[in-house]
Protein backbone atom coordinates (compact mmCIF):
# COMPACT_ATOMS: atom_id res chain seq x y z
CA MET A 1 -79.32 -126.71 -11.32
CA LEU A 2 -81.11 -124.00 -9.35
CA GLN A 3 -77.81 -122.82 -7.85
CA LYS A 4 -76.23 -122.69 -11.32
CA ASN A 5 -79.13 -120.64 -12.72
CA LEU A 6 -79.00 -118.31 -9.72
CA LYS A 7 -75.28 -117.67 -10.31
CA SER A 8 -75.94 -116.96 -14.00
CA PHE A 9 -78.76 -114.56 -13.10
CA THR A 10 -76.60 -112.75 -10.55
CA LYS A 11 -73.76 -112.42 -13.05
CA LEU A 12 -76.14 -111.04 -15.68
CA ALA A 13 -77.69 -108.57 -13.22
CA ARG A 14 -74.29 -107.26 -12.20
CA SER A 15 -73.29 -106.88 -15.86
CA GLN A 16 -76.47 -104.93 -16.65
CA LEU A 17 -75.99 -102.71 -13.58
CA ARG A 18 -72.41 -101.89 -14.60
CA SER A 19 -73.61 -101.09 -18.11
CA GLN A 20 -76.34 -98.78 -16.80
CA LEU A 21 -73.96 -96.99 -14.44
CA SER A 22 -71.38 -96.49 -17.17
CA THR A 23 -73.93 -94.91 -19.55
CA GLN A 24 -75.49 -92.62 -16.96
CA SER A 25 -74.09 -89.10 -17.01
CA GLN A 26 -72.31 -88.48 -13.78
CA PRO A 27 -73.01 -85.11 -12.15
CA LYS A 28 -70.05 -82.77 -12.30
CA PRO A 29 -68.78 -82.01 -8.79
CA GLN A 30 -69.55 -78.45 -7.83
CA ALA A 31 -66.69 -76.18 -6.86
CA LEU A 32 -66.79 -75.24 -3.20
CA PRO A 33 -67.87 -71.63 -2.66
CA VAL A 34 -65.17 -69.15 -1.69
CA ASN A 35 -66.27 -66.50 0.81
CA VAL A 36 -64.24 -63.30 0.70
CA SER A 37 -64.17 -60.25 2.95
CA THR A 38 -61.79 -57.49 4.07
CA LEU A 39 -60.97 -56.50 7.63
CA PRO A 40 -60.80 -52.80 8.62
CA SER A 41 -56.99 -53.13 8.66
CA GLY A 42 -57.05 -54.09 4.98
CA ILE A 43 -56.31 -57.81 5.47
CA LEU A 44 -58.05 -59.92 2.82
CA LEU A 45 -59.83 -63.04 4.05
CA ALA A 46 -61.15 -66.06 2.17
CA SER A 47 -62.65 -69.27 3.51
CA ILE A 48 -63.48 -72.58 1.86
CA GLU A 49 -65.33 -75.31 3.73
CA SER A 50 -64.00 -78.86 3.54
CA ASP A 51 -64.75 -82.34 4.85
CA SER A 52 -61.07 -82.95 5.56
CA PRO A 53 -60.15 -83.67 9.20
CA LEU A 54 -57.33 -81.14 8.75
CA LEU A 55 -57.53 -77.36 8.77
CA ARG A 56 -55.19 -75.57 6.42
CA LEU A 57 -54.53 -71.89 6.85
CA ALA A 58 -52.30 -69.89 4.51
CA VAL A 59 -51.17 -66.33 5.22
CA ILE A 60 -49.41 -64.53 2.37
CA VAL A 61 -47.44 -61.30 2.94
CA ARG A 62 -46.22 -59.06 0.12
CA ALA A 63 -42.63 -59.08 1.42
CA GLY A 64 -40.61 -61.10 -1.06
CA SER A 65 -37.02 -60.55 -2.10
CA ARG A 66 -37.96 -57.89 -4.68
CA TYR A 67 -38.72 -55.51 -1.80
CA GLU A 68 -35.26 -55.76 -0.24
CA PRO A 69 -33.29 -52.49 -0.14
CA GLN A 70 -29.95 -52.76 -1.92
CA SER A 71 -28.11 -52.15 1.33
CA LYS A 72 -29.91 -55.11 2.97
CA LEU A 73 -29.94 -57.78 0.27
CA GLY A 74 -31.07 -61.15 1.62
CA ILE A 75 -33.22 -59.76 4.41
CA SER A 76 -36.35 -61.48 3.07
CA HIS A 77 -34.44 -64.78 3.22
CA VAL A 78 -33.54 -64.03 6.85
CA MET A 79 -37.21 -63.29 7.62
CA ARG A 80 -38.24 -66.69 6.23
CA SER A 81 -35.43 -68.49 8.01
CA ALA A 82 -36.21 -66.77 11.32
CA ALA A 83 -39.81 -68.02 11.38
CA GLY A 84 -40.09 -70.24 14.43
CA LEU A 85 -37.62 -68.26 16.48
CA ALA A 86 -38.82 -66.54 19.66
CA THR A 87 -41.68 -64.08 19.53
CA GLU A 88 -42.68 -61.47 22.09
CA ARG A 89 -44.78 -64.08 23.94
CA PHE A 90 -43.32 -67.50 23.10
CA SER A 91 -39.88 -69.06 23.01
CA SER A 92 -38.59 -70.92 19.98
CA PHE A 93 -38.74 -74.14 21.96
CA GLY A 94 -42.33 -73.43 23.02
CA ILE A 95 -43.49 -72.81 19.44
CA THR A 96 -41.85 -75.96 18.11
CA ARG A 97 -42.98 -78.15 21.00
CA LYS A 98 -46.63 -77.06 20.99
CA ILE A 99 -47.16 -77.34 17.23
CA GLU A 100 -45.43 -80.74 17.09
CA TYR A 101 -47.31 -81.91 20.19
CA HIS A 102 -50.57 -81.61 18.23
CA GLY A 103 -49.03 -83.21 15.13
CA GLY A 104 -49.26 -79.93 13.26
CA LYS A 105 -46.98 -78.47 10.64
CA LEU A 106 -45.93 -74.84 10.05
CA THR A 107 -44.20 -74.19 6.74
CA VAL A 108 -42.68 -70.91 5.54
CA THR A 109 -41.73 -70.38 1.90
CA GLY A 110 -40.86 -67.38 -0.21
CA THR A 111 -40.96 -66.03 -3.74
CA ARG A 112 -39.77 -62.77 -5.20
CA ASP A 113 -43.25 -61.38 -4.54
CA SER A 114 -44.16 -62.78 -1.14
CA ILE A 115 -43.52 -64.73 2.03
CA ALA A 116 -46.05 -67.49 2.70
CA TYR A 117 -46.94 -69.12 6.04
CA LEU A 118 -48.92 -72.37 5.93
CA LEU A 119 -50.39 -74.09 9.00
CA GLU A 120 -51.75 -77.64 8.74
CA VAL A 121 -53.32 -79.04 11.90
CA HIS A 122 -56.05 -81.37 13.14
CA ASN A 123 -59.38 -79.56 12.84
CA GLU A 124 -60.36 -79.61 16.50
CA PRO A 125 -61.34 -76.20 17.99
CA GLU A 126 -58.88 -76.31 20.90
CA ILE A 127 -55.98 -77.53 18.75
CA VAL A 128 -56.72 -74.98 16.02
CA GLU A 129 -56.91 -72.13 18.54
CA GLN A 130 -53.61 -73.00 20.24
CA SER A 131 -51.73 -73.68 16.99
CA PHE A 132 -52.97 -70.58 15.21
CA GLU A 133 -52.00 -68.40 18.17
CA LEU A 134 -48.41 -69.56 17.67
CA MET A 135 -48.57 -68.99 13.91
CA ALA A 136 -50.03 -65.50 14.36
CA ASP A 137 -47.33 -64.57 16.86
CA THR A 138 -44.65 -65.78 14.43
CA ILE A 139 -46.10 -63.49 11.75
CA THR A 140 -46.95 -60.37 13.76
CA ARG A 141 -44.74 -60.34 16.87
CA PRO A 142 -41.28 -61.74 16.06
CA ALA A 143 -38.73 -60.79 18.71
CA PHE A 144 -35.60 -61.02 16.53
CA LYS A 145 -33.41 -61.47 19.60
CA PRO A 146 -29.84 -60.57 18.58
CA TRP A 147 -28.33 -63.84 19.81
CA GLU A 148 -30.96 -65.92 17.99
CA VAL A 149 -30.46 -63.92 14.78
CA SER A 150 -26.72 -64.55 15.08
CA ASP A 151 -27.19 -68.27 15.76
CA ASN A 152 -29.44 -68.50 12.70
CA ASN A 153 -26.54 -67.65 10.35
CA GLU A 154 -25.56 -71.33 10.13
CA ARG A 155 -28.99 -72.15 8.76
CA LEU A 156 -28.65 -69.35 6.19
CA GLN A 157 -25.28 -70.72 5.10
CA ALA A 158 -26.80 -74.19 4.69
CA ASP A 159 -29.62 -72.71 2.59
CA CYS A 160 -27.19 -70.81 0.39
CA SER A 161 -25.03 -73.88 -0.21
CA ILE A 162 -27.77 -75.11 -2.53
CA LEU A 163 -26.62 -72.53 -5.08
CA GLU A 164 -23.34 -74.40 -5.42
CA ASP A 165 -24.79 -77.89 -5.00
CA VAL A 166 -27.58 -77.41 -7.55
CA PRO A 167 -26.32 -75.49 -10.61
CA PHE A 168 -29.82 -75.29 -12.07
CA ILE A 169 -30.97 -73.11 -9.15
CA LYS A 170 -27.88 -70.93 -9.54
CA LEU A 171 -28.72 -70.63 -13.24
CA THR A 172 -32.26 -69.43 -12.50
CA GLU A 173 -31.17 -66.93 -9.86
CA THR A 174 -28.43 -65.51 -12.08
CA LEU A 175 -30.84 -65.22 -15.00
CA HIS A 176 -33.09 -62.95 -12.92
CA GLN A 177 -30.08 -60.88 -11.89
CA VAL A 178 -29.15 -60.36 -15.54
CA ALA A 179 -32.66 -59.91 -16.94
CA PHE A 180 -34.18 -57.31 -14.60
CA LYS A 181 -33.52 -53.83 -13.35
CA GLY A 182 -35.12 -53.36 -9.95
CA GLY A 183 -36.18 -55.71 -7.18
CA LEU A 184 -36.86 -58.73 -9.39
CA ARG A 185 -33.11 -59.08 -9.91
CA ASN A 186 -32.73 -59.87 -6.19
CA SER A 187 -32.10 -63.52 -5.39
CA LEU A 188 -34.31 -65.66 -3.17
CA TYR A 189 -31.11 -66.44 -1.27
CA SER A 190 -29.01 -64.05 0.74
CA PRO A 191 -25.65 -63.19 -0.86
CA SER A 192 -22.86 -64.87 1.09
CA PHE A 193 -21.25 -61.50 1.82
CA MET A 194 -24.45 -60.37 3.58
CA ILE A 195 -24.79 -63.34 5.96
CA GLY A 196 -24.25 -61.98 9.47
CA LYS A 197 -24.84 -58.38 8.34
CA HIS A 198 -28.58 -58.23 9.13
CA ARG A 199 -29.08 -56.82 12.61
CA SER A 200 -32.14 -57.23 14.78
CA GLU A 201 -33.00 -53.56 14.12
CA ASP A 202 -32.91 -54.16 10.35
CA LEU A 203 -35.35 -57.05 10.64
CA HIS A 204 -37.75 -55.05 12.80
CA LYS A 205 -37.65 -52.17 10.29
CA PHE A 206 -38.37 -54.49 7.33
CA HIS A 207 -41.20 -56.09 9.33
CA ARG A 208 -42.78 -52.71 10.21
CA GLU A 209 -42.68 -51.51 6.59
CA HIS A 210 -44.00 -54.64 4.84
CA PHE A 211 -46.10 -56.57 7.38
CA VAL A 212 -49.06 -54.19 7.12
CA GLY A 213 -52.76 -54.83 6.55
CA MET A 214 -52.90 -54.03 2.84
CA ASN A 215 -50.02 -56.46 2.24
CA VAL A 216 -51.65 -59.52 3.81
CA CYS A 217 -54.15 -62.16 2.72
CA ALA A 218 -55.33 -65.16 4.79
CA VAL A 219 -57.15 -68.20 3.40
CA GLY A 220 -58.61 -70.97 5.53
CA ILE A 221 -59.73 -74.35 4.19
CA GLY A 222 -61.81 -76.39 6.60
CA CYS A 223 -63.37 -73.52 8.54
CA ASP A 224 -66.41 -71.29 8.08
CA HIS A 225 -65.97 -67.60 7.36
CA HIS A 226 -67.10 -66.39 10.76
CA GLN A 227 -64.54 -68.64 12.48
CA LEU A 228 -61.76 -67.40 10.18
CA THR A 229 -62.71 -63.76 10.70
CA GLU A 230 -62.62 -64.15 14.49
CA MET A 231 -59.25 -65.93 14.39
CA ILE A 232 -57.56 -63.39 12.14
CA SER A 233 -59.04 -60.23 13.65
CA GLY A 234 -58.24 -61.43 17.17
CA ASN A 235 -54.67 -62.56 16.52
CA ILE A 236 -53.22 -60.81 13.46
CA VAL A 237 -53.29 -57.14 14.39
CA LEU A 238 -51.45 -54.99 11.84
CA PRO A 239 -51.51 -51.29 10.90
CA SER A 240 -53.89 -50.44 8.06
CA SER A 241 -51.32 -49.04 5.65
CA VAL A 242 -49.81 -49.82 2.26
CA GLY A 243 -46.28 -51.15 1.99
CA PRO A 244 -43.56 -49.99 -0.44
CA LYS A 245 -43.91 -50.89 -4.13
CA ASP A 246 -41.42 -52.12 -6.70
CA SER A 247 -41.59 -51.57 -10.45
CA SER A 248 -38.94 -53.76 -12.03
CA VAL A 249 -38.25 -53.58 -15.77
CA PHE A 250 -36.86 -56.21 -18.11
CA ILE A 251 -33.53 -55.11 -19.61
CA GLY A 252 -31.86 -58.32 -20.83
CA GLY A 253 -28.14 -59.01 -20.94
CA GLU A 254 -25.78 -61.94 -20.50
CA MET A 255 -23.45 -63.54 -17.97
CA HIS A 256 -21.07 -66.50 -18.26
CA ILE A 257 -19.82 -68.44 -15.25
CA ASP A 258 -16.88 -70.81 -15.65
CA SER A 259 -17.21 -74.17 -13.93
CA SER A 260 -15.36 -77.47 -13.81
CA SER A 261 -18.65 -79.36 -14.09
CA PRO A 262 -18.83 -81.95 -16.88
CA LEU A 263 -22.17 -80.40 -17.82
CA ASN A 264 -23.10 -77.07 -19.37
CA TYR A 265 -26.16 -75.24 -18.00
CA ILE A 266 -27.69 -72.60 -20.29
CA ALA A 267 -30.80 -70.42 -19.98
CA VAL A 268 -32.25 -67.92 -22.44
CA GLY A 269 -35.14 -65.67 -21.39
CA PHE A 270 -37.37 -62.95 -22.83
CA GLU A 271 -39.77 -60.50 -21.25
CA GLY A 272 -42.81 -62.51 -20.24
CA ALA A 273 -46.23 -61.83 -18.77
CA SER A 274 -47.42 -60.47 -15.45
CA PHE A 275 -50.33 -62.26 -13.84
CA ASN A 276 -52.30 -59.06 -13.19
CA LYS A 277 -51.76 -56.85 -16.25
CA SER A 278 -53.30 -58.88 -19.07
CA SER A 279 -55.02 -62.21 -18.49
CA LYS A 280 -54.70 -62.99 -22.21
CA ASP A 281 -50.93 -62.55 -22.18
CA TYR A 282 -50.66 -64.50 -18.93
CA LEU A 283 -52.59 -67.47 -20.33
CA ALA A 284 -50.89 -67.20 -23.73
CA ALA A 285 -47.52 -67.44 -21.95
CA SER A 286 -48.68 -70.50 -20.00
CA LEU A 287 -49.89 -72.23 -23.18
CA LEU A 288 -46.77 -71.32 -25.15
CA SER A 289 -44.61 -72.77 -22.38
CA LYS A 290 -46.60 -76.01 -22.53
CA ILE A 291 -46.23 -76.16 -26.32
CA LEU A 292 -42.48 -75.78 -26.01
CA GLY A 293 -42.36 -78.38 -23.25
CA VAL A 294 -41.91 -78.12 -19.49
CA GLY A 295 -39.87 -81.27 -19.07
CA THR A 296 -40.99 -84.85 -18.68
CA GLN A 297 -44.20 -85.52 -16.78
CA VAL A 298 -43.42 -89.20 -16.35
CA LYS A 299 -41.45 -90.05 -13.21
CA ASN A 300 -37.99 -91.56 -13.76
CA LEU A 301 -38.18 -91.02 -17.53
CA ARG A 302 -34.75 -89.86 -18.66
CA ASP A 303 -35.19 -89.69 -22.44
CA LEU A 304 -35.92 -86.46 -24.29
CA SER A 305 -39.65 -85.91 -24.75
CA GLN A 306 -41.00 -86.56 -28.23
CA VAL A 307 -44.34 -84.83 -27.65
CA ASN A 308 -43.21 -81.20 -27.37
CA ARG A 309 -41.40 -78.79 -29.65
CA LEU A 310 -38.12 -78.41 -27.76
CA GLY A 311 -37.77 -82.14 -27.11
CA LYS A 312 -38.26 -82.98 -30.78
CA ALA A 313 -35.82 -80.27 -31.88
CA ALA A 314 -33.20 -81.48 -29.40
CA SER A 315 -33.55 -85.08 -30.58
CA GLU A 316 -33.13 -83.96 -34.16
CA PHE A 317 -30.01 -81.91 -33.37
CA LEU A 318 -28.44 -84.70 -31.30
CA LYS A 319 -29.34 -87.52 -33.69
CA GLY A 320 -26.82 -90.31 -33.26
CA GLN A 321 -25.35 -88.85 -30.05
CA ASN A 322 -25.81 -90.02 -26.46
CA THR A 323 -28.68 -88.06 -24.85
CA ALA A 324 -28.42 -89.64 -21.39
CA ASN A 325 -27.39 -86.39 -19.68
CA VAL A 326 -29.30 -83.99 -21.89
CA SER A 327 -32.33 -82.04 -20.74
CA VAL A 328 -34.26 -79.21 -22.34
CA SER A 329 -37.42 -77.46 -21.19
CA SER A 330 -39.19 -74.13 -21.17
CA PHE A 331 -39.81 -71.94 -18.14
CA ASN A 332 -42.41 -69.27 -17.44
CA TYR A 333 -42.05 -67.14 -14.30
CA ASN A 334 -44.84 -64.64 -13.66
CA TYR A 335 -44.70 -61.78 -11.14
CA GLU A 336 -46.93 -58.96 -9.99
CA ASN A 337 -45.93 -56.52 -12.72
CA ASN A 338 -43.60 -58.44 -15.02
CA GLY A 339 -42.39 -61.87 -16.03
CA ILE A 340 -39.76 -63.88 -17.88
CA ILE A 341 -40.26 -66.76 -20.33
CA GLY A 342 -37.74 -68.83 -22.23
CA PHE A 343 -35.91 -72.14 -22.19
CA ASN A 344 -33.04 -73.82 -20.41
CA LEU A 345 -30.88 -76.74 -21.38
CA VAL A 346 -28.36 -79.06 -19.78
CA ALA A 347 -25.84 -81.00 -21.84
CA PRO A 348 -22.39 -82.58 -21.47
CA ASN A 349 -19.57 -80.21 -22.39
CA THR A 350 -18.64 -82.59 -25.21
CA ILE A 351 -21.72 -81.39 -27.10
CA ASP A 352 -21.53 -78.24 -29.21
CA ALA A 353 -23.13 -75.77 -26.77
CA VAL A 354 -23.38 -72.95 -29.31
CA GLY A 355 -24.97 -75.12 -31.98
CA PHE A 356 -27.36 -76.73 -29.48
CA THR A 357 -28.50 -73.37 -28.10
CA LYS A 358 -28.97 -71.98 -31.63
CA ALA A 359 -31.14 -74.99 -32.54
CA MET A 360 -33.31 -74.48 -29.46
CA MET A 361 -33.52 -70.75 -30.17
CA LYS A 362 -34.68 -71.48 -33.70
CA GLU A 363 -37.43 -73.77 -32.40
CA PHE A 364 -38.42 -71.21 -29.76
CA ARG A 365 -38.86 -68.52 -32.43
CA SER A 366 -40.78 -70.95 -34.61
CA ALA A 367 -43.23 -71.76 -31.80
CA CYS A 368 -43.74 -68.04 -31.12
CA ASN A 369 -44.75 -67.48 -34.75
CA SER A 370 -46.62 -70.63 -35.68
CA ILE A 371 -48.54 -73.37 -33.88
CA THR A 372 -51.15 -75.86 -35.07
CA ASP A 373 -54.77 -76.35 -34.00
CA ALA A 374 -53.88 -79.81 -32.70
CA GLU A 375 -51.05 -78.44 -30.55
CA LEU A 376 -53.28 -75.74 -29.09
CA LYS A 377 -56.07 -78.19 -28.24
CA GLU A 378 -53.62 -80.59 -26.63
CA VAL A 379 -51.86 -78.00 -24.46
CA LYS A 380 -55.16 -76.49 -23.31
CA ASN A 381 -56.14 -79.87 -21.89
CA ASN A 382 -52.64 -80.27 -20.47
CA LEU A 383 -52.78 -76.89 -18.73
CA LYS A 384 -56.24 -77.57 -17.30
CA THR A 385 -55.08 -80.91 -15.93
CA SER A 386 -52.03 -79.29 -14.32
CA ILE A 387 -54.29 -76.73 -12.63
CA LEU A 388 -56.68 -79.41 -11.36
CA ILE A 389 -53.83 -81.53 -9.98
CA GLN A 390 -52.46 -78.50 -8.16
CA LEU A 391 -55.82 -77.48 -6.70
CA ASP A 392 -56.66 -81.05 -5.69
CA ASN A 393 -54.15 -80.63 -2.87
CA GLU A 394 -55.82 -78.46 -0.21
CA ALA A 395 -52.53 -77.06 1.07
CA SER A 396 -51.65 -75.97 -2.45
CA MET A 397 -55.17 -74.63 -2.94
CA ALA A 398 -54.92 -72.47 0.19
CA TYR A 399 -51.63 -70.99 -1.00
CA GLU A 400 -52.78 -70.39 -4.59
CA GLN A 401 -56.07 -68.82 -3.48
CA ALA A 402 -54.30 -66.48 -1.04
CA PHE A 403 -51.64 -65.51 -3.58
CA CYS A 404 -54.22 -64.84 -6.30
CA LEU A 405 -56.37 -62.71 -3.99
CA LEU A 406 -53.45 -60.65 -2.70
CA MET A 407 -51.80 -60.02 -6.06
CA THR A 408 -54.84 -59.60 -8.33
CA GLY A 409 -57.73 -58.84 -5.99
CA GLN A 410 -59.67 -61.70 -7.62
CA LYS A 411 -60.49 -65.09 -6.15
CA LEU A 412 -59.25 -68.15 -8.00
CA ASN A 413 -62.10 -69.97 -9.77
CA ALA A 414 -61.09 -72.98 -11.84
CA ASP A 415 -64.26 -72.95 -13.97
CA GLU A 416 -63.81 -69.30 -14.89
CA LEU A 417 -60.12 -69.86 -15.56
CA PHE A 418 -60.93 -72.75 -17.88
CA LYS A 419 -63.35 -70.54 -19.84
CA GLN A 420 -60.58 -67.98 -20.25
CA ILE A 421 -58.19 -70.72 -21.42
CA ASP A 422 -60.76 -71.90 -23.98
CA GLY A 423 -61.01 -68.30 -25.21
CA ILE A 424 -57.32 -68.12 -26.10
CA GLY A 425 -56.76 -68.71 -29.82
CA MET A 426 -53.72 -68.97 -32.04
CA ASN A 427 -53.80 -65.21 -32.68
CA GLU A 428 -53.39 -64.41 -28.98
CA ILE A 429 -50.42 -66.76 -28.69
CA LYS A 430 -48.86 -65.45 -31.90
CA ASN A 431 -49.32 -61.82 -30.81
CA PHE A 432 -47.74 -62.56 -27.44
CA GLY A 433 -44.92 -64.51 -29.07
CA GLN A 434 -44.07 -61.72 -31.48
CA LYS A 435 -44.17 -59.19 -28.65
CA LEU A 436 -41.78 -61.15 -26.43
CA LEU A 437 -39.33 -61.68 -29.31
CA LYS A 438 -39.00 -57.90 -29.60
CA SER A 439 -37.48 -57.70 -26.10
CA LYS A 440 -33.74 -57.97 -25.63
CA PRO A 441 -33.02 -61.53 -24.48
CA ALA A 442 -31.18 -62.51 -21.33
CA LEU A 443 -28.66 -65.36 -21.40
CA VAL A 444 -26.76 -67.14 -18.65
CA SER A 445 -24.40 -70.09 -19.02
CA ILE A 446 -22.51 -72.16 -16.46
CA GLY A 447 -19.75 -74.51 -17.63
CA ILE A 448 -16.79 -74.33 -19.98
CA ASN A 449 -18.57 -73.88 -23.33
CA HIS A 450 -20.42 -70.57 -23.48
CA PRO A 451 -22.84 -69.39 -26.17
CA TYR A 452 -23.21 -65.61 -26.53
CA LEU A 453 -26.21 -63.54 -27.52
CA SER A 454 -24.37 -62.56 -30.70
CA ASP A 455 -24.30 -66.27 -31.63
CA LEU A 456 -28.09 -66.46 -31.52
CA GLU A 457 -28.87 -63.57 -33.85
């Protein structure tokens, strides 16, 4: 009897404890402080302490494809692809062997604005020192040996094959080519006719012009600011100058590419928002894109979404038809001084491409002119969650913090960003929507059924 009563008491105590814990307000986790400074060379530094056993260090250089001269298209792609080749002090084999020996990872990616280097390595002083020395040499002292540059052409060709293998990427790259005048029309991938045309001297010249102090930002997560300052100032030595600028403008236009694919790929874009001209327009564009729909957020879900504007409009247009190979979503690409926002769709060529695109265009215009309070509240929460998910990954956080600092001069603060999101009302979104609709649209289609801009008027 005593044992039975004891069990009942224990069960009751546990129940009461759970109830108390569930009603207590949990303290909100405080954002880790971001320490920022600038080296005499102009390099921006930011450090964020972390309990992770890994150190993550991102170095962003303002040297994306938009800065390529027309005579050397694709050179930014070559710069990315050549990372890991020999430097003035280390061989390609030595760099690969030493980083992999410590279980580290060096990743190089690129956008139209920048080239990003990310080092992830075990946070032990000796390992960090040796690995960062290799990373710094890759960034500041590439050798660009002619025979290695030549041998690297096969890798470039493999990279470029994705344009034919993945039509959606080709669609996006072609849309930029049509929509912009200036560097933003340049592709992230080297044109096939330029592979093998970039000499060692060309790469050194591009490196000298763009890899300069005012074009670089470094962010370390898992190290204190003094440690980061010593690492960067001792290893990344660059001239304190400003690199060339690019002022691309949105001009619109259209292009149609015939293909034997059973699917049609169509994209329509308008002049969007820059991330450093108007924070209201930038956030309004992000919210509008969420309202329209950015594709399914449920893995392996193939049906059209019924919770966003484009998905509902597509379902209505295709009522009674097979939607197994149909996809529709918005896009929102933001750059240093411009942007592009719109929608893309994929559908079998048995579906009326012109009618489908017109239906999506009608819904796009409707969303630009009218949204509901419920929609705005929902997408604000959606956008905040997307930001938190992205920043929860420390590698992603290092990249985003470095990119934000370099391009805007401001550190990324989620709490401040959320306050700005809360401050965006329906008027801001409507004003932005009406402004973007005044720009001449850009349209690209790949397939056998092509809508034209004149069809969408």
